[in-house]
C-alpha atoms as a PDB file:
ATOM      1  CA  MET A   1      15.995  17.575  15.592  1.00  0.00           C
ATOM      2  CA  GLU A   2      14.037  15.041  12.424  1.00  0.00           C
ATOM      3  CA  LYS A   3      11.403  12.150  13.739  1.00  0.00           C
ATOM      4  CA  ARG A   4      13.780   9.408  12.257  1.00  0.00           C
ATOM      5  CA  TYR A   5      11.147   6.596  10.993  1.00  0.00           C
ATOM      6  CA  ASP A   6      12.029   2.821  11.420  1.00  0.00           C
ATOM      7  CA  LEU A   7      10.670   1.461   8.168  1.00  0.00           C
ATOM      8  CA  ASP A   8      13.273  -2.081   8.599  1.00  0.00           C
ATOM      9  CA  ARG A   9      10.478  -3.478   9.853  1.00  0.00           C
ATOM     10  CA  PHE A  10       8.986  -3.553   5.929  1.00  0.00           C
ATOM     11  CA  LEU A  11      12.326  -5.138   5.087  1.00  0.00           C
ATOM     12  CA  GLU A  12      12.388  -7.702   8.425  1.00  0.00           C
ATOM     13  CA  ALA A  13       8.561  -8.625   7.022  1.00  0.00           C
ATOM     14  CA  GLN A  14       9.624  -8.985   3.316  1.00  0.00           C
ATOM     15  CA  ARG A  15      12.148 -11.182   3.820  1.00  0.00           C
ATOM     16  CA  GLU A  16      10.377 -14.071   3.825  1.00  0.00           C
ATOM     17  CA  THR A  17       6.801 -13.146   2.356  1.00  0.00           C
ATOM     18  CA  TYR A  18       7.508 -10.233  -0.984  1.00  0.00           C
ATOM     19  CA  GLY A  19       8.727 -13.315  -3.422  1.00  0.00           C
ATOM     20  CA  ASN A  20       5.340 -15.463  -2.764  1.00  0.00           C
ATOM     21  CA  ALA A  21       3.665 -12.129  -2.341  1.00  0.00           C
ATOM     22  CA  LEU A  22       4.115 -11.007  -5.501  1.00  0.00           C
ATOM     23  CA  GLU A  23       3.991 -14.042  -6.866  1.00  0.00           C
ATOM     24  CA  GLU A  24      -0.073 -14.744  -5.756  1.00  0.00           C
ATOM     25  CA  ILE A  25      -0.678 -10.930  -7.434  1.00  0.00           C
ATOM     26  CA  ARG A  26       0.411 -12.307 -10.473  1.00  0.00           C
ATOM     27  CA  GLN A  27      -1.440 -15.072 -10.505  1.00  0.00           C
ATOM     28  CA  GLY A  28      -4.354 -12.781  -9.616  1.00  0.00           C
ATOM     29  CA  SER A  29      -5.840 -14.263  -6.356  1.00  0.00           C
ATOM     30  CA  LYS A  30      -3.596 -12.980  -2.951  1.00  0.00           C
ATOM     31  CA  GLN A  31      -3.887 -16.594  -0.900  1.00  0.00           C
ATOM     32  CA  THR A  32      -1.942 -15.897   2.057  1.00  0.00           C
ATOM     33  CA  HIS A  33      -1.869 -12.893   4.396  1.00  0.00           C
ATOM     34  CA  TRP A  34       0.915 -10.532   3.533  1.00  0.00           C
ATOM     35  CA  MET A  35      -1.396  -7.021   3.529  1.00  0.00           C
ATOM     36  CA  TRP A  36       0.679  -5.000   5.801  1.00  0.00           C
ATOM     37  CA  PHE A  37       3.769  -4.613   5.113  1.00  0.00           C
ATOM     38  CA  ILE A  38       3.124  -4.928   0.822  1.00  0.00           C
ATOM     39  CA  PHE A  39       0.879  -2.562   0.590  1.00  0.00           C
ATOM     40  CA  PRO A  40       0.914  -0.218   3.862  1.00  0.00           C
ATOM     41  CA  GLN A  41      -1.610   2.281   4.831  1.00  0.00           C
ATOM     42  CA  LEU A  42      -1.486   5.317   6.866  1.00  0.00           C
ATOM     43  CA  ARG A  43      -1.735   4.360  10.570  1.00  0.00           C
ATOM     44  CA  GLY A  44      -4.700   5.269  12.185  1.00  0.00           C
ATOM     45  CA  LEU A  45      -7.139   3.293   9.687  1.00  0.00           C
ATOM     46  CA  GLY A  46      -7.193  -0.129  11.354  1.00  0.00           C
ATOM     47  CA  PHE A  47      -5.909  -0.401  14.810  1.00  0.00           C
ATOM     48  CA  THR A  48      -4.831  -4.416  15.124  1.00  0.00           C
ATOM     49  CA  ASP A  49      -1.791  -5.049  16.443  1.00  0.00           C
ATOM     50  CA  TYR A  50      -0.262  -5.167  12.806  1.00  0.00           C
ATOM     51  CA  ASN A  51      -2.391  -1.865  11.376  1.00  0.00           C
ATOM     52  CA  ILE A  52      -0.379  -0.279  14.024  1.00  0.00           C
ATOM     53  CA  PHE A  53       2.894  -0.999  13.556  1.00  0.00           C
ATOM     54  CA  TYR A  54       2.894  -0.905  10.512  1.00  0.00           C
ATOM     55  CA  GLY A  55       1.087   1.800   9.976  1.00  0.00           C
ATOM     56  CA  ILE A  56       2.707   4.292   7.623  1.00  0.00           C
ATOM     57  CA  GLU A  57       2.909   7.702  10.147  1.00  0.00           C
ATOM     58  CA  ASN A  58       2.630  10.084   7.826  1.00  0.00           C
ATOM     59  CA  LEU A  59       3.010  11.563   4.425  1.00  0.00           C
ATOM     60  CA  LYS A  60       6.841  11.959   4.668  1.00  0.00           C
ATOM     61  CA  GLU A  61       7.208   7.861   6.251  1.00  0.00           C
ATOM     62  CA  ALA A  62       5.423   6.955   2.629  1.00  0.00           C
ATOM     63  CA  SER A  63       7.334   9.571   0.500  1.00  0.00           C
ATOM     64  CA  LEU A  64      10.667   7.511   2.258  1.00  0.00           C
ATOM     65  CA  TYR A  65       8.234   4.305   1.781  1.00  0.00           C
ATOM     66  CA  LEU A  66       8.776   4.882  -1.694  1.00  0.00           C
ATOM     67  CA  ASN A  67      12.378   6.548  -2.214  1.00  0.00           C
ATOM     68  CA  HIS A  68      13.724   3.422  -0.698  1.00  0.00           C
ATOM     69  CA  PRO A  69      16.162   2.009  -3.115  1.00  0.00           C
ATOM     70  CA  ILE A  70      13.990  -1.774  -2.526  1.00  0.00           C
ATOM     71  CA  LEU A  71      10.877   0.052  -0.197  1.00  0.00           C
ATOM     72  CA  GLY A  72       9.360   1.448  -2.975  1.00  0.00           C
ATOM     73  CA  LYS A  73      11.668  -0.587  -6.641  1.00  0.00           C
ATOM     74  CA  ARG A  74       9.115  -3.842  -4.841  1.00  0.00           C
ATOM     75  CA  LEU A  75       5.715  -1.338  -4.184  1.00  0.00           C
ATOM     76  CA  VAL A  76       5.427  -0.076  -7.870  1.00  0.00           C
ATOM     77  CA  GLU A  77       6.927  -3.885  -8.507  1.00  0.00           C
ATOM     78  CA  ILE A  78       3.434  -5.321  -7.104  1.00  0.00           C
ATOM     79  CA  THR A  79       1.413  -2.950  -7.811  1.00  0.00           C
ATOM     80  CA  GLN A  80       2.084  -2.928 -11.592  1.00  0.00           C
ATOM     81  CA  PRO A  81       0.650  -6.505 -12.492  1.00  0.00           C
ATOM     82  CA  MET A  82      -2.592  -5.740  -9.963  1.00  0.00           C
ATOM     83  CA  LEU A  83      -3.334  -3.247 -13.403  1.00  0.00           C
ATOM     84  CA  GLU A  84      -2.609  -6.205 -15.630  1.00  0.00           C
ATOM     85  CA  ILE A  85      -5.471  -8.723 -14.202  1.00  0.00           C
ATOM     86  CA  GLU A  86      -8.775  -8.513 -16.073  1.00  0.00           C
ATOM     87  CA  ASN A  87     -11.797  -9.647 -15.673  1.00  0.00           C
ATOM     88  CA  LYS A  88     -11.392  -8.999 -12.416  1.00  0.00           C
ATOM     89  CA  THR A  89     -12.518  -7.087  -9.095  1.00  0.00           C
ATOM     90  CA  ALA A  90      -9.832  -5.901  -6.414  1.00  0.00           C
ATOM     91  CA  LEU A  91     -12.225  -7.870  -3.406  1.00  0.00           C
ATOM     92  CA  GLU A  92     -11.870 -11.078  -6.120  1.00  0.00           C
ATOM     93  CA  ILE A  93      -8.529 -10.847  -6.445  1.00  0.00           C
ATOM     94  CA  LEU A  94      -7.446  -9.887  -2.059  1.00  0.00           C
ATOM     95  CA  GLY A  95     -10.893 -10.615  -0.666  1.00  0.00           C
ATOM     96  CA  ARG A  96     -11.875  -8.301   2.040  1.00  0.00           C
ATOM     97  CA  PRO A  97     -11.359  -5.964   3.863  1.00  0.00           C
ATOM     98  CA  ASP A  98      -7.488  -6.400   1.690  1.00  0.00           C
ATOM     99  CA  GLU A  99      -9.610  -4.867  -0.443  1.00  0.00           C
ATOM    100  CA  ARG A 100     -10.107  -1.463   1.239  1.00  0.00           C
ATOM    101  CA  LYS A 101      -5.828  -1.470   2.436  1.00  0.00           C
ATOM    102  CA  LEU A 102      -5.568  -1.606  -1.282  1.00  0.00           C
ATOM    103  CA  LYS A 103      -7.320   1.385  -1.825  1.00  0.00           C
ATOM    104  CA  SER A 104      -5.810   3.968   0.872  1.00  0.00           C
ATOM    105  CA  CYS A 105      -2.541   2.611   0.655  1.00  0.00           C
ATOM    106  CA  MET A 106      -2.297   4.118  -2.898  1.00  0.00           C
ATOM    107  CA  THR A 107      -4.673   6.818  -1.901  1.00  0.00           C
ATOM    108  CA  LEU A 108      -1.742   7.878  -0.058  1.00  0.00           C
ATOM    109  CA  PHE A 109       1.392   6.835  -2.580  1.00  0.00           C
ATOM    110  CA  GLY A 110      -0.885   8.216  -4.726  1.00  0.00           C
ATOM    111  CA  LEU A 111      -0.396  11.903  -2.502  1.00  0.00           C
ATOM    112  CA  LEU A 112       2.548  12.090  -2.964  1.00  0.00           C
ATOM    113  CA  PRO A 113       4.496  14.931  -5.668  1.00  0.00           C
ATOM    114  CA  GLU A 114       7.081  11.900  -7.470  1.00  0.00           C
ATOM    115  CA  THR A 115       5.096   9.398  -7.074  1.00  0.00           C
ATOM    116  CA  PRO A 116       4.646   6.136 -10.572  1.00  0.00           C
ATOM    117  CA  GLU A 117       1.579   6.824 -12.513  1.00  0.00           C
ATOM    118  CA  CYS A 118       0.572   3.427 -11.098  1.00  0.00           C
ATOM    119  CA  PHE A 119      -1.199   4.511  -7.599  1.00  0.00           C
ATOM    120  CA  ARG A 120      -3.541   6.098  -9.114  1.00  0.00           C
ATOM    121  CA  GLN A 121      -3.816   4.050 -12.674  1.00  0.00           C
ATOM    122  CA  VAL A 122      -5.456   1.227  -9.533  1.00  0.00           C
ATOM    123  CA  LEU A 123      -7.359   3.260  -8.743  1.00  0.00           C
ATOM    124  CA  VAL A 124      -9.279   4.417 -12.030  1.00  0.00           C
ATOM    125  CA  LYS A 125      -9.579   0.743 -12.590  1.00  0.00           C
ATOM    126  CA  TYR A 126     -10.654  -0.968  -9.064  1.00  0.00           C
ATOM    127  CA  TYR A 127     -11.946   2.071  -8.527  1.00  0.00           C
ATOM    128  CA  ASN A 128     -13.380   4.304 -10.438  1.00  0.00           C
ATOM    129  CA  GLY A 129     -11.178   6.920  -9.663  1.00  0.00           C
ATOM    130  CA  GLU A 130     -11.585   6.964  -6.388  1.00  0.00           C
ATOM    131  CA  GLN A 131      -8.908   7.579  -3.522  1.00  0.00           C
ATOM    132  CA  ASP A 132      -9.665   6.531  -0.035  1.00  0.00           C
ATOM    133  CA  GLU A 133     -11.902   8.789   1.699  1.00  0.00           C
ATOM    134  CA  LYS A 134     -10.760   8.102   5.288  1.00  0.00           C
ATOM    135  CA  THR A 135      -7.052   8.289   4.188  1.00  0.00           C
ATOM    136  CA  LEU A 136      -7.653  12.291   3.736  1.00  0.00           C
ATOM    137  CA  GLN A 137      -9.180  12.874   5.746  1.00  0.00           C
ATOM    138  CA  LEU A 138      -6.703  11.095   8.447  1.00  0.00           C
ATOM    139  CA  ILE A 139      -3.668  13.126   6.414  1.00  0.00           C
ATOM    140  CA  LYS A 140      -5.509  16.518   6.695  1.00  0.00           C
ATOM    141  CA  GLU A 141      -6.357  16.237  10.550  1.00  0.00           C
ATOM    142  CA  SER A 142      -2.425  15.173  11.079  1.00  0.00           C
ATOM    143  CA  GLY A 143      -2.010  18.303   9.261  1.00  0.00           C
ATOM    144  CA  SER A 144       1.040  15.850   6.735  1.00  0.00           C
END
């Protein structure tokens, strides 16, 4: 029996916040709290309730997220303006620790074979092309 993944948790969380999150990124300054469910990262990188609830379990769930008609489109849509921001670091745009969450999110989705180039481009622009080592380690350990 194939495992079912609950992507509805992201749709529910984004319903009221996605538009504001997109506008904040377009303005180059994150102001409110939405990082966990807009730029999700692998479960196991953080241990707050939000990190656990919105954590992506493995590459299979990441692939389902990226191929979801709403969630995947939104992830690409909100990643694109990150590439257009000039003369700011990820820390200046997102604050701490969210600049690290972005790196882990871009690493996770950048590992997928069908992934848009924008995820890798964010890693190049803000992180000298370096992937998040903890994300890579968790993927390796999980065998996914």
